[in-house]
C-alpha cells in the first residue's frame, strides 16, 4: 500500500525550502547572557578558536589562518567540540577562506559606515560626553516574573525612574498624530528599515516626527529638545552603564552610542481583527489574531521599549522572549504544562521602559483588544573617529554587529558573486563561519552554518551532511528554545537517516533523535502560540513534519495526535476566492497537506 500522498511526501523538502526563503536575516545575534546583578549584566565569552589575518610566506598576501588552539583547565567542554567542528569546516572551505574572507569583512565595515553616516544625517543626536545625566535606577527581570530566581533576561526601570513623564508622552503623541495625519504631498518619510509590516500596526520613525515638527509645525519645536534630552541624558547613559560598561574584551570608551532607528508604534487590535484574510482562506473561519510582531531579533546593540499608554487601554501585548521557555525545561525534556507562569514582559507603567540585548529573539505579543502605543529605540555603537585612525578610513563594526551583518548578507553577497552554485554555497558557509568567529556562542550562526552545509551536502558527500547535523546540534547548546532550529535538526537527521551507509544500531538511534527534535519544536511553538506570539506558520509546518515522520513509522495514533493540534475539526479547503500572497499561499498548502495526512492516518486506525 502506498501510505502517503505525493503532496504530503513532498512537504518535507517544501517546508525546508520555505524556511530558507522566509528566514529573516537582518537580525543580530550575540551570546545568550545571564544577568547576574543590577550592576553586572551578562558578558560575552571570548572566542576559544581564532582566525587571524596574517601575511602568508612573507609575500604580502593577507589570509585568514587558524591560530593555535589552547584548551586550558576549566574551559567549557562545548568549546572543544566547537573547535573540532570549525576545523572540519575550514578544511572543507580550503582556499576559499583566504580568497574571500578579507573582501567579505570589508563589505561588512562598509555597510556599518553607511549606516553610521545615515544616522549622522538624521535629526537624532549621537551620545555626547560631559553632560549632567539623570540616574536611571533599574531592576533585573526574570523569565518568569513569579519566580525571581529564574533566568534573568532584561532590565526594567524602577518605579522611581520613568524615562518619560505623562506630559512628555502627550507632547510626543501629539506630534506623532500630526505626522500621521499630514497631507500626502508632504510625505517625505523614511522607508522602514526594520519592522515587520502587519495589519493593525502603525509606525512612525522618531527622526521623521522630529523633522516634521521642525519644518511644518513651529509651535511644536519643543519636541526636538524633548527627544534630545531623552536620548542624551537618559537613554544613552542608562545603556552605557547597564550594558556597554560591562562588556568583556571591549574598550567601552572608544565606542559612541547612537540611534540605529527609533519607532513610534501603535498596535490596533480592532484593525488587525477586522479582516483576517488568511484565516478565511486556510480555515474558513475567523481566529482571534490581534496586532503584534512575530519572533525576531533586532538590528542594534540594545533595544529600549517605552510604554506610552495605560494597561487599561488594551488587552494583551508586551514582549515575549524565546528564552523565557528555558524555565519549562526539565532535564532534557520540555514540559508544555509548565508554561503557566510565562507571560510577556512589560514596563512597570506609562513612561517606564524595558531594555534588552537586541540579539535576544523576542516577539511583540498580540494586543487582542484596544490600542497599545510604544516607543522603541534601537541603540547601536560605533568606534569614535579618533580611536581608529583618520576620518577617511572605514570604522570596524563592533563584533556583535559584524556577526549580525555576516548572517544577514550571506545570500545577497554570495548570489551576486557570479560564481557557480557550489562556490556560492561555500561563500554562504564562510559567512556563517566568520560570524561564529566574531561571536562563538551565536546559536543562530551555528544554525545557518548547519543549513548551508546541508545544502552543500547535496553536491558533496555524506560526511558533509554529518557535519551539518553536528553544527545544528551545536546550535541547540546556545539557542535551545528556537523552534525553527529543532525543526531543521529533525529534517537534517531524517536526511541522514535516509543514507545507505548506516547500520541497524545507528538507525534506531537516529529515529529516536528525529522524533525528539520534531517533538521539541512542536512543544516550543505550542508554548509560543499560547502566549500570543505569531508563530502559527512555523507551528503548522513542524506538526506536519512530525506527522509525516510518525506515519512513515506506522505510528498513526501519534500522527493523528500531533496533526490534530493544528487542523481544526471542521477543516475544509477554505475560501478559494480569497487572493493570497506567497507566504499565505505556502501556509495554505501546508494546511491542506496536514488535513489530507490526518484523514489518511485516521483511516488507517479505523
Protein backbone atom coordinates (compact mmCIF):
# COMPACT_ATOMS: atom_id res chain seq x y z
CA UNK A 1 0.00 0.00 0.00
CA UNK A 2 1.22 3.48 -0.80
CA UNK A 3 0.65 5.10 2.56
CA UNK A 4 1.47 8.70 1.68
CA UNK A 5 0.05 11.04 -0.88
CA UNK A 6 2.67 12.63 -3.20
CA UNK A 7 1.81 16.12 -1.98
CA UNK A 8 2.38 15.09 1.64
CA UNK A 9 5.68 13.34 0.91
CA UNK A 10 6.95 16.41 -0.91
CA UNK A 11 6.11 18.64 2.01
CA UNK A 12 9.28 17.88 3.95
CA UNK A 13 11.51 19.32 1.24
CA UNK A 14 8.93 22.00 0.51
CA UNK A 15 8.93 23.09 4.14
CA UNK A 16 12.72 23.14 4.24
CA UNK A 17 12.69 25.48 1.25
CA UNK A 18 10.13 27.70 2.97
CA UNK A 19 12.48 28.10 5.92
CA UNK A 20 15.26 29.28 3.65
CA UNK A 21 13.20 31.67 1.61
CA UNK A 22 11.34 33.24 4.51
CA UNK A 23 14.12 33.45 7.10
CA UNK A 24 14.67 36.99 8.33
CA UNK A 25 18.41 37.53 8.11
CA UNK A 26 18.56 41.18 9.16
CA UNK A 27 18.54 40.30 12.84
CA UNK A 28 21.66 40.28 15.01
CA UNK A 29 22.72 37.56 17.41
CA UNK A 30 25.11 37.64 20.32
CA UNK A 31 25.72 35.07 23.02
CA UNK A 32 22.90 34.18 25.37
CA UNK A 33 23.76 36.11 28.52
CA UNK A 34 22.66 35.69 32.12
CA UNK A 35 22.04 38.85 34.10
CA UNK A 36 23.68 38.41 37.47
CA UNK A 37 23.09 41.63 39.37
CA UNK A 38 21.68 45.10 38.67
CA UNK A 39 25.23 46.32 38.11
CA UNK A 40 26.52 43.27 36.26
CA UNK A 41 24.61 42.43 33.09
CA UNK A 42 25.92 39.28 31.36
CA UNK A 43 29.15 39.32 29.38
CA UNK A 44 30.06 37.80 26.08
CA UNK A 45 32.64 34.99 26.14
CA UNK A 46 35.78 35.44 24.12
CA UNK A 47 36.49 33.12 21.21
CA UNK A 48 38.42 29.93 22.01
CA UNK A 49 39.36 29.41 18.37
CA UNK A 50 40.59 32.38 16.41
CA UNK A 51 41.07 33.08 12.74
CA UNK A 52 43.61 35.83 12.34
CA UNK A 53 44.66 37.97 9.39
CA UNK A 54 48.32 37.16 8.70
CA UNK A 55 50.86 37.65 5.94
CA UNK A 56 51.47 34.28 4.29
CA UNK A 57 55.05 33.25 3.37
CA UNK A 58 56.22 36.85 3.61
CA UNK A 59 54.72 37.58 0.21
CA UNK A 60 52.40 40.31 1.38
CA UNK A 61 49.27 38.21 0.80
CA UNK A 62 46.78 38.62 3.64
CA UNK A 63 44.85 35.48 4.52
CA UNK A 64 42.82 34.00 7.34
CA UNK A 65 44.67 31.16 9.02
CA UNK A 66 43.85 29.29 12.23
CA UNK A 67 45.71 30.28 15.36
CA UNK A 68 46.92 27.58 17.75
CA UNK A 69 44.16 26.25 19.98
CA UNK A 70 44.81 26.29 23.69
CA UNK A 71 42.35 24.42 25.88
CA UNK A 72 43.05 25.36 29.50
CA UNK A 73 41.76 23.76 32.65
CA UNK A 74 38.20 24.84 33.31
CA UNK A 75 37.44 25.62 29.67
CA UNK A 76 33.83 24.87 28.77
CA UNK A 77 33.73 21.41 27.11
CA UNK A 78 31.43 22.84 24.43
CA UNK A 79 34.31 24.92 23.09
CA UNK A 80 36.45 21.84 22.48
CA UNK A 81 33.62 20.33 20.43
CA UNK A 82 33.14 23.67 18.64
CA UNK A 83 36.82 23.83 17.73
CA UNK A 84 36.69 20.36 16.21
CA UNK A 85 33.69 21.29 14.09
CA UNK A 86 35.28 24.56 12.96
CA UNK A 87 38.43 22.73 11.89
CA UNK A 88 36.31 20.47 9.69
CA UNK A 89 34.52 23.49 8.22
CA UNK A 90 37.85 25.19 7.49
CA UNK A 91 39.15 22.06 5.77
CA UNK A 92 36.04 21.98 3.60
CA UNK A 93 36.40 25.66 2.70
CA UNK A 94 40.06 25.29 1.79
CA UNK A 95 41.44 28.26 -0.12
CA UNK A 96 38.01 29.94 -0.10
CA UNK A 97 38.94 31.24 3.37
CA UNK A 98 41.94 33.22 2.16
CA UNK A 99 40.32 34.21 -1.12
CA UNK A 100 37.02 35.67 0.07
CA UNK A 101 37.23 36.46 3.78
CA UNK A 102 39.03 39.86 3.54
CA UNK A 103 36.59 41.25 0.95
CA UNK A 104 33.58 39.94 2.91
CA UNK A 105 34.75 41.61 6.11
CA UNK A 106 35.46 44.85 4.25
CA UNK A 107 31.93 44.85 2.85
CA UNK A 108 30.58 44.49 6.40
CA UNK A 109 32.55 47.55 7.52
CA UNK A 110 31.26 49.47 4.50
CA UNK A 111 27.67 48.67 5.49
CA UNK A 112 28.39 49.72 9.06
CA UNK A 113 29.93 53.00 7.88
CA UNK A 114 26.95 53.66 5.62
CA UNK A 115 24.51 53.19 8.49
CA UNK A 116 26.54 55.43 10.79
CA UNK A 117 26.50 58.19 8.15
CA UNK A 118 22.75 57.72 7.73
CA UNK A 119 22.33 58.19 11.48
CA UNK A 120 24.60 61.25 11.43
CA UNK A 121 22.34 62.85 8.83
CA UNK A 122 19.18 62.17 10.84
CA UNK A 123 17.64 64.52 13.39
CA UNK A 124 18.63 62.34 16.35
CA UNK A 125 21.81 63.15 18.32
CA UNK A 126 24.77 60.84 18.98
CA UNK A 127 25.97 60.26 22.52
CA UNK A 128 27.90 63.20 23.99
CA UNK A 129 30.40 63.40 26.83
CA UNK A 130 30.40 65.76 29.76
CA UNK A 131 26.64 66.14 30.18
CA UNK A 132 24.86 66.09 33.51
CA UNK A 133 22.70 62.99 33.21
CA UNK A 134 19.76 61.56 35.10
CA UNK A 135 20.37 58.48 37.21
CA UNK A 136 18.12 55.72 35.92
CA UNK A 137 17.54 53.03 38.52
CA UNK A 138 16.52 49.63 37.26
CA UNK A 139 15.78 46.04 38.23
CA UNK A 140 16.51 42.73 36.57
CA UNK A 141 13.56 40.89 35.06
CA UNK A 142 13.27 37.10 35.27
CA UNK A 143 11.99 34.72 32.61
CA UNK A 144 9.11 34.01 35.00
CA UNK A 145 8.24 37.11 37.00
CA UNK A 146 6.61 34.86 39.60
CA UNK A 147 9.98 33.10 40.04
CA UNK A 148 12.71 35.73 40.65
CA UNK A 149 15.39 33.02 40.74
CA UNK A 150 14.64 32.08 37.12
CA UNK A 151 16.97 33.20 34.34
CA UNK A 152 17.07 36.98 34.10
CA UNK A 153 16.82 38.26 30.56
CA UNK A 154 16.07 42.01 30.62
CA UNK A 155 16.20 45.13 32.76
CA UNK A 156 13.35 47.43 33.67
CA UNK A 157 13.22 50.94 35.10
CA UNK A 158 12.21 51.17 38.73
CA UNK A 159 9.05 52.95 39.74
CA UNK A 160 11.10 55.99 40.75
CA UNK A 161 12.84 56.29 37.35
CA UNK A 162 10.47 56.61 34.38
CA UNK A 163 12.16 57.69 31.16
CA UNK A 164 9.24 59.94 30.19
CA UNK A 165 6.61 61.85 32.15
CA UNK A 166 2.95 61.79 31.12
CA UNK A 167 3.26 65.38 29.91
CA UNK A 168 6.26 64.48 27.74
CA UNK A 169 4.42 61.49 26.35
CA UNK A 170 1.45 63.65 25.43
CA UNK A 171 3.75 66.02 23.50
CA UNK A 172 5.25 63.09 21.60
CA UNK A 173 1.82 61.63 20.85
CA UNK A 174 0.51 64.95 19.58
CA UNK A 175 3.48 65.25 17.21
CA UNK A 176 3.10 61.64 16.06
CA UNK A 177 -0.61 62.13 15.37
CA UNK A 178 0.14 65.30 13.38
CA UNK A 179 2.76 63.41 11.41
CA UNK A 180 0.41 60.52 10.67
CA UNK A 181 -2.32 62.96 9.54
CA UNK A 182 -0.03 65.07 7.34
CA UNK A 183 -1.10 65.88 3.77
CA UNK A 184 0.03 63.31 1.21
CA UNK A 185 2.10 65.89 -0.70
CA UNK A 186 4.23 66.39 2.41
CA UNK A 187 5.10 62.72 2.73
CA UNK A 188 8.88 62.69 2.96
CA UNK A 189 9.07 59.80 5.41
CA UNK A 190 11.84 57.27 5.60
CA UNK A 191 11.25 53.79 4.32
CA UNK A 192 11.01 51.38 7.22
CA UNK A 193 14.41 49.78 7.67
CA UNK A 194 13.36 47.43 10.38
CA UNK A 195 9.85 46.40 11.28
CA UNK A 196 7.69 43.58 10.05
CA UNK A 197 4.61 45.03 8.45
CA UNK A 198 1.43 43.58 9.96
CA UNK A 199 -2.18 44.62 9.64
CA UNK A 200 -3.19 46.66 12.66
CA UNK A 201 0.31 48.08 13.19
CA UNK A 202 1.12 51.72 12.50
CA UNK A 203 4.57 53.19 12.80
CA UNK A 204 6.40 56.48 12.50
CA UNK A 205 10.16 56.99 12.66
CA UNK A 206 11.06 59.24 15.54
CA UNK A 207 13.52 61.08 13.31
CA UNK A 208 10.72 61.82 10.82
CA UNK A 209 8.43 63.08 13.59
CA UNK A 210 11.16 65.46 14.79
CA UNK A 211 11.90 66.74 11.28
CA UNK A 212 8.21 67.25 10.53
CA UNK A 213 7.68 69.17 13.75
CA UNK A 214 10.64 71.41 12.91
CA UNK A 215 9.58 72.25 9.35
CA UNK A 216 5.78 72.09 9.40
CA UNK A 217 4.79 72.78 12.98
CA UNK A 218 6.90 75.56 14.51
CA UNK A 219 4.69 75.52 17.58
CA UNK A 220 5.87 72.00 18.42
CA UNK A 221 9.61 72.54 18.09
CA UNK A 222 9.89 71.64 21.76
CA UNK A 223 9.73 68.01 20.61
CA UNK A 224 13.30 68.36 19.37
CA UNK A 225 14.53 69.42 22.81
CA UNK A 226 12.47 66.67 24.43
CA UNK A 227 13.92 63.94 22.22
CA UNK A 228 17.46 65.28 22.67
CA UNK A 229 17.07 65.22 26.44
CA UNK A 230 15.54 61.74 26.37
CA UNK A 231 18.47 60.32 24.42
CA UNK A 232 21.41 62.33 25.76
CA UNK A 233 20.53 62.47 29.44
CA UNK A 234 18.50 59.30 29.99
CA UNK A 235 18.71 56.54 27.39
CA UNK A 236 22.39 56.72 26.40
CA UNK A 237 23.71 56.93 29.99
CA UNK A 238 21.41 54.05 31.02
CA UNK A 239 22.53 51.78 28.18
CA UNK A 240 26.20 52.61 28.71
CA UNK A 241 26.06 51.97 32.44
CA UNK A 242 23.87 48.87 32.33
CA UNK A 243 25.27 47.18 29.21
CA UNK A 244 28.30 48.69 27.47
CA UNK A 245 30.41 49.22 30.58
CA UNK A 246 30.02 45.51 31.42
CA UNK A 247 31.23 44.19 28.05
CA UNK A 248 34.19 41.84 28.31
CA UNK A 249 37.10 42.49 25.97
CA UNK A 250 35.64 45.78 24.71
CA UNK A 251 37.06 49.25 25.24
CA UNK A 252 33.77 50.95 26.01
CA UNK A 253 35.41 54.39 25.99
CA UNK A 254 36.27 54.00 22.30
CA UNK A 255 32.63 53.46 21.35
CA UNK A 256 29.93 56.06 20.87
CA UNK A 257 26.26 55.15 21.16
CA UNK A 258 23.73 56.31 18.58
CA UNK A 259 20.21 55.52 17.40
CA UNK A 260 20.11 52.99 14.58
CA UNK A 261 16.36 53.51 14.37
CA UNK A 262 13.53 54.60 16.65
CA UNK A 263 9.86 53.96 16.06
CA UNK A 264 6.61 55.19 17.50
CA UNK A 265 4.45 52.05 17.09
CA UNK A 266 0.70 51.69 17.50
CA UNK A 267 -0.81 48.22 17.80
CA UNK A 268 -4.51 48.46 16.91
CA UNK A 269 -6.27 45.18 17.73
CA UNK A 270 -9.58 46.29 16.19
CA UNK A 271 -7.97 46.82 12.79
CA UNK A 272 -5.98 43.60 12.99
CA UNK A 273 -9.09 41.52 13.71
CA UNK A 274 -11.38 43.18 11.15
CA UNK A 275 -10.21 41.21 8.16
CA UNK A 276 -8.13 38.12 8.85
CA UNK A 277 -7.79 37.08 5.21
CA UNK A 278 -5.51 34.15 5.93
CA UNK A 279 -7.93 32.56 8.39
CA UNK A 280 -10.74 32.80 5.87
CA UNK A 281 -8.62 31.16 3.18
CA UNK A 282 -6.99 28.43 5.25
CA UNK A 283 -9.53 27.70 7.96
CA UNK A 284 -12.73 29.25 6.56
CA UNK A 285 -13.31 30.84 9.96
CA UNK A 286 -12.24 33.83 11.98
CA UNK A 287 -9.47 33.49 14.53
CA UNK A 288 -8.53 35.77 17.40
CA UNK A 289 -5.30 37.10 15.98
CA UNK A 290 -4.60 40.54 17.40
CA UNK A 291 -1.87 43.01 16.49
CA UNK A 292 1.76 42.18 17.24
CA UNK A 293 5.14 41.17 15.82
CA UNK A 294 6.48 37.66 15.15
CA UNK A 295 9.59 36.25 16.83
CA UNK A 296 12.62 38.16 15.57
CA UNK A 297 15.92 39.76 16.51
CA UNK A 298 16.54 43.49 16.30
CA UNK A 299 19.41 45.03 14.39
CA UNK A 300 21.24 47.00 17.02
CA UNK A 301 23.03 46.62 20.32
CA UNK A 302 20.32 47.27 22.92
CA UNK A 303 16.57 47.70 22.37
CA UNK A 304 14.66 50.08 24.64
CA UNK A 305 10.86 49.72 24.79
CA UNK A 306 8.96 52.61 26.41
CA UNK A 307 5.29 52.22 27.35
CA UNK A 308 3.15 55.18 26.23
CA UNK A 309 -0.36 54.35 27.44
CA UNK A 310 -2.08 52.66 30.37
CA UNK A 311 -2.56 48.91 30.55
CA UNK A 312 -6.30 49.57 30.95
CA UNK A 313 -6.35 50.83 27.33
CA UNK A 314 -5.62 47.39 25.87
CA UNK A 315 -5.64 43.64 26.48
CA UNK A 316 -2.56 41.53 25.81
CA UNK A 317 0.65 42.98 24.41
CA UNK A 318 4.13 43.00 25.90
CA UNK A 319 7.43 41.46 24.83
CA UNK A 320 7.86 37.70 24.95
CA UNK A 321 11.42 36.38 24.91
CA UNK A 322 12.17 32.99 23.43
CA UNK A 323 14.50 32.26 26.34
CA UNK A 324 11.61 32.54 28.78
CA UNK A 325 10.84 28.97 27.69
CA UNK A 326 14.07 27.84 29.39
CA UNK A 327 12.10 27.75 32.63
CA UNK A 328 9.95 24.96 31.14
CA UNK A 329 12.89 22.61 30.57
CA UNK A 330 13.03 19.67 32.96
CA UNK A 331 16.37 17.99 32.38
CA UNK A 332 16.44 17.20 28.66
CA UNK A 333 12.66 17.36 28.30
CA UNK A 334 10.38 20.30 27.62
CA UNK A 335 7.24 20.38 29.76
CA UNK A 336 4.43 22.24 27.98
CA UNK A 337 2.30 22.06 31.12
CA UNK A 338 4.85 24.23 32.97
CA UNK A 339 4.14 27.38 30.94
CA UNK A 340 1.54 28.78 33.33
CA UNK A 341 3.94 31.34 34.78
CA UNK A 342 5.12 32.56 31.39
CA UNK A 343 3.81 35.96 30.42
CA UNK A 344 5.05 38.65 28.02
CA UNK A 345 7.18 41.18 29.88
CA UNK A 346 6.10 44.80 30.15
CA UNK A 347 7.44 48.03 31.65
CA UNK A 348 6.05 48.94 35.07
CA UNK A 349 3.73 51.57 33.65
CA UNK A 350 3.36 54.64 31.48
CA UNK A 351 6.74 56.26 30.75
CA UNK A 352 8.69 53.27 32.04
CA UNK A 353 10.99 51.13 29.89
CA UNK A 354 12.17 47.58 29.33
CA UNK A 355 15.66 47.14 27.82
CA UNK A 356 17.32 44.02 26.45
CA UNK A 357 20.04 42.76 24.12
CA UNK A 358 18.82 43.41 20.59
CA UNK A 359 20.06 39.95 19.65
CA UNK A 360 17.70 38.16 22.04
CA UNK A 361 14.94 36.61 19.95
CA UNK A 362 11.60 38.02 21.02
CA UNK A 363 8.09 38.79 19.83
CA UNK A 364 5.64 41.61 20.23
CA UNK A 365 2.89 39.55 21.86
CA UNK A 366 -0.52 40.13 20.30
CA UNK A 367 -2.66 43.00 21.51
CA UNK A 368 -6.13 41.41 21.42
CA UNK A 369 -8.28 44.37 22.39
CA UNK A 370 -7.82 48.13 22.28
CA UNK A 371 -4.79 50.15 21.22
CA UNK A 372 -1.24 49.88 22.59
CA UNK A 373 1.33 52.64 21.94
CA UNK A 374 5.07 52.18 22.46
CA UNK A 375 8.30 53.96 21.57
CA UNK A 376 11.06 51.54 20.63
CA UNK A 377 14.63 52.83 20.38
CA UNK A 378 17.30 50.64 18.80
CA UNK A 379 20.67 51.69 20.18
CA UNK A 380 23.84 50.86 18.20
CA UNK A 381 27.53 51.62 18.77
CA UNK A 382 30.33 52.89 16.53
CA UNK A 383 34.03 53.50 17.12
CA UNK A 384 34.91 57.13 17.60
CA UNK A 385 36.91 58.51 14.72
CA UNK A 386 39.98 59.26 16.80
CA UNK A 387 40.03 55.71 18.14
CA UNK A 388 40.57 54.03 14.75
CA UNK A 389 42.53 56.41 12.57
CA UNK A 390 41.77 59.14 10.08
CA UNK A 391 38.33 60.39 9.17
CA UNK A 392 38.64 58.81 5.72
CA UNK A 393 39.15 55.24 6.92
CA UNK A 394 36.39 52.68 7.42
CA UNK A 395 35.47 52.10 11.01
CA UNK A 396 35.36 48.47 12.08
CA UNK A 397 31.91 47.28 13.10
CA UNK A 398 31.65 46.02 16.71
CA UNK A 399 31.82 42.25 16.74
CA UNK A 400 28.15 41.74 17.63
CA UNK A 401 27.11 43.90 14.68
CA UNK A 402 29.67 42.25 12.40
CA UNK A 403 28.20 38.83 13.22
CA UNK A 404 24.68 40.08 12.57
CA UNK A 405 25.57 41.55 9.20
CA UNK A 406 27.51 38.45 8.14
CA UNK A 407 24.37 36.41 8.69
CA UNK A 408 22.05 38.92 7.09
CA UNK A 409 24.05 39.47 3.90
CA UNK A 410 25.23 35.94 3.11
CA UNK A 411 22.67 35.12 0.43
CA UNK A 412 22.73 38.50 -1.28
CA UNK A 413 26.50 38.81 -1.27
CA UNK A 414 27.09 35.26 -2.50
CA UNK A 415 24.39 35.29 -5.19
CA UNK A 416 25.91 38.47 -6.63
CA UNK A 417 29.35 36.90 -6.92
CA UNK A 418 28.75 35.38 -10.40
CA UNK A 419 30.11 32.10 -9.03
CA UNK A 420 28.69 28.65 -9.72
CA UNK A 421 26.26 27.09 -7.28
CA UNK A 422 28.93 25.13 -5.40
CA UNK A 423 31.09 28.21 -4.84
CA UNK A 424 28.05 30.23 -3.76
CA UNK A 425 27.30 27.61 -1.13
CA UNK A 426 30.90 27.76 0.09
CA UNK A 427 30.60 31.54 0.23
CA UNK A 428 27.50 31.24 2.43
CA UNK A 429 29.24 28.70 4.66
CA UNK A 430 32.15 31.14 5.03
CA UNK A 431 29.83 33.97 6.08
CA UNK A 432 28.44 31.90 8.95
CA UNK A 433 31.94 30.65 9.84
CA UNK A 434 33.12 34.26 10.13
CA UNK A 435 30.04 35.16 12.20
CA UNK A 436 30.95 32.41 14.67
CA UNK A 437 34.49 33.78 14.73
CA UNK A 438 33.05 37.11 15.89
CA UNK A 439 30.65 35.59 18.45
CA UNK A 440 31.45 31.91 19.19
CA UNK A 441 28.19 31.28 21.05
CA UNK A 442 25.96 32.69 18.31
CA UNK A 443 23.43 29.88 18.08
CA UNK A 444 21.76 31.39 15.03
CA UNK A 445 25.06 31.47 13.13
CA UNK A 446 25.65 27.81 14.02
CA UNK A 447 22.14 27.05 12.76
CA UNK A 448 22.64 28.90 9.48
CA UNK A 449 26.02 27.19 9.08
CA UNK A 450 24.36 23.80 9.50
CA UNK A 451 21.64 24.63 6.96
CA UNK A 452 24.19 25.86 4.40
CA UNK A 453 26.21 22.68 4.92
CA UNK A 454 23.05 20.60 4.48
CA UNK A 455 22.53 22.21 1.08
CA UNK A 456 26.19 21.72 0.22
CA UNK A 457 25.89 18.02 1.13
CA UNK A 458 23.60 17.57 -1.89
CA UNK A 459 26.59 18.19 -4.17
CA UNK A 460 29.23 16.76 -1.83
CA UNK A 461 29.12 13.60 0.30
CA UNK A 462 27.65 12.06 3.43
CA UNK A 463 30.43 13.39 5.65
CA UNK A 464 29.27 16.96 4.93
CA UNK A 465 25.72 16.02 5.93
CA UNK A 466 27.08 14.56 9.17
CA UNK A 467 28.95 17.84 9.77
CA UNK A 468 25.74 19.79 9.11
CA UNK A 469 23.91 17.73 11.74
CA UNK A 470 26.67 18.34 14.29
CA UNK A 471 26.58 22.09 13.65
CA UNK A 472 22.82 22.15 14.17
CA UNK A 473 23.25 20.19 17.39
CA UNK A 474 25.90 22.67 18.48
CA UNK A 475 23.37 25.45 17.83
CA UNK A 476 20.95 23.83 20.30
CA UNK A 477 23.53 24.40 23.06
CA UNK A 478 23.23 28.15 22.61
CA UNK A 479 19.63 28.60 21.42
CA UNK A 480 17.76 25.64 22.92
CA UNK A 481 14.39 27.39 22.67
CA UNK A 482 14.41 28.12 18.93
CA UNK A 483 11.61 26.02 17.46
CA UNK A 484 12.85 26.55 13.90
CA UNK A 485 16.22 25.11 14.89
CA UNK A 486 14.77 21.87 16.26
CA UNK A 487 12.60 21.53 13.16
CA UNK A 488 15.65 21.96 10.92
CA UNK A 489 17.60 19.50 13.05
CA UNK A 490 14.81 16.98 12.58
CA UNK A 491 14.91 17.50 8.80
CA UNK A 492 18.69 17.05 8.68
CA UNK A 493 18.58 13.92 10.85
CA UNK A 494 15.86 12.46 8.65
CA UNK A 495 18.01 13.11 5.62
CA UNK A 496 20.96 11.43 7.32
CA UNK A 497 18.71 8.51 8.21
CA UNK A 498 17.89 8.03 4.53
CA UNK A 499 21.53 7.45 3.57
CA UNK A 500 22.57 3.89 2.81
CA UNK A 501 25.73 3.55 4.95
CA UNK A 502 24.06 3.33 8.37
CA UNK A 503 23.99 0.17 10.47
CA UNK A 504 20.90 -1.03 12.31
CA UNK A 505 22.05 0.23 15.72
CA UNK A 506 22.63 3.74 14.47
CA UNK A 507 19.37 3.65 12.54
CA UNK A 508 17.40 3.06 15.75
CA UNK A 509 19.31 5.85 17.47
CA UNK A 510 18.71 8.29 14.61
CA UNK A 511 14.99 7.51 14.55
CA UNK A 512 14.70 8.48 18.20
CA UNK A 513 16.72 11.66 17.63
CA UNK A 514 14.48 12.67 14.70
CA UNK A 515 11.33 12.26 16.78
CA UNK A 516 12.89 14.11 19.73
CA UNK A 517 13.91 17.08 17.57
CA UNK A 518 10.47 17.43 15.99
CA UNK A 519 8.67 16.99 19.31
CA UNK A 520 10.77 19.70 20.93
CA UNK A 521 9.95 22.03 18.04
CA UNK A 522 6.24 21.26 18.41
CA UNK A 523 6.33 21.96 22.17
CA UNK A 524 8.23 25.24 21.72
CA UNK A 525 5.88 26.53 19.02
CA UNK A 526 2.85 25.44 21.05
CA UNK A 527 4.04 27.41 24.07
CA UNK A 528 4.82 30.47 21.94
CA UNK A 529 1.39 30.38 20.32
CA UNK A 530 -0.36 30.02 23.68
CA UNK A 531 1.46 33.15 24.89
CA UNK A 532 0.19 35.15 21.92
CA UNK A 533 3.17 35.02 19.54
CA UNK A 534 2.57 34.95 15.80
CA UNK A 535 4.16 31.53 15.18
CA UNK A 536 1.21 29.82 13.53
CA UNK A 537 3.00 29.07 10.25
CA UNK A 538 6.05 27.54 11.96
CA UNK A 539 3.80 25.53 14.29
CA UNK A 540 1.80 24.10 11.39
CA UNK A 541 4.93 23.17 9.43
CA UNK A 542 6.62 21.27 12.24
CA UNK A 543 3.38 19.47 13.14
CA UNK A 544 3.15 18.33 9.53
CA UNK A 545 6.80 17.25 9.55
CA UNK A 546 6.35 15.22 12.73
CA UNK A 547 3.06 13.80 11.45
CA UNK A 548 4.76 12.69 8.23
CA UNK A 549 7.62 11.11 10.12
CA UNK A 550 5.38 9.23 12.57
CA UNK A 551 3.15 7.96 9.78
CA UNK A 552 6.21 6.58 8.00
CA UNK A 553 6.95 4.66 11.21
CA UNK A 554 3.34 3.34 11.17
CA UNK A 555 2.62 5.34 14.33
CA UNK A 556 -0.71 6.57 13.04
CA UNK A 557 -2.07 7.31 16.51
CA UNK A 558 0.88 9.59 17.24
CA UNK A 559 0.48 11.26 13.85
CA UNK A 560 -3.22 11.89 14.47
CA UNK A 561 -2.44 13.38 17.87
CA UNK A 562 0.10 15.90 16.55
CA UNK A 563 -1.79 16.84 13.38
CA UNK A 564 -4.96 17.44 15.38
CA UNK A 565 -3.14 20.25 17.15
CA UNK A 566 -3.29 22.46 14.04
CA UNK A 567 -6.05 21.02 11.83
CA UNK A 568 -9.49 22.23 13.03
CA UNK A 569 -12.21 19.60 13.41
CA UNK A 570 -14.23 21.40 10.75
CA UNK A 571 -11.25 21.76 8.41
CA UNK A 572 -12.03 22.23 4.74
CA UNK A 573 -10.45 23.81 1.71
CA UNK A 574 -11.29 27.32 2.89
CA UNK A 575 -12.40 30.23 0.76
CA UNK A 576 -10.71 29.84 -2.64
CA UNK A 577 -11.93 33.26 -3.74
CA UNK A 578 -9.57 34.95 -1.32
CA UNK A 579 -6.43 36.26 -3.00
CA UNK A 580 -3.29 35.23 -1.11
CA UNK A 581 0.27 36.47 -1.09
CA UNK A 582 3.15 33.98 -1.45
CA UNK A 583 3.54 33.45 2.30
CA UNK A 584 -0.17 32.82 2.81
CA UNK A 585 -0.30 30.52 -0.21
CA UNK A 586 2.55 28.44 1.20
CA UNK A 587 0.78 28.23 4.54
CA UNK A 588 -2.45 27.18 2.87
CA UNK A 589 -0.61 24.38 1.09
CA UNK A 590 0.89 23.13 4.36
CA UNK A 591 -2.55 23.07 5.99
CA UNK A 592 -4.08 21.21 3.05
CA UNK A 593 -1.32 18.60 3.27
CA UNK A 594 -1.80 18.31 7.03
CA UNK A 595 -5.54 17.86 6.63
CA UNK A 596 -5.07 15.19 3.94
CA UNK A 597 -2.49 13.32 6.01
CA UNK A 598 -4.72 13.48 9.08
CA UNK A 599 -7.62 11.95 7.14
CA UNK A 600 -5.33 9.22 5.82
CA UNK A 601 -3.98 8.34 9.30
CA UNK A 602 -7.49 8.20 10.75
CA UNK A 603 -8.49 5.75 8.03
CA UNK A 604 -5.53 3.52 8.94
CA UNK A 605 -6.82 3.37 12.52
CA UNK A 606 -10.42 2.60 11.58
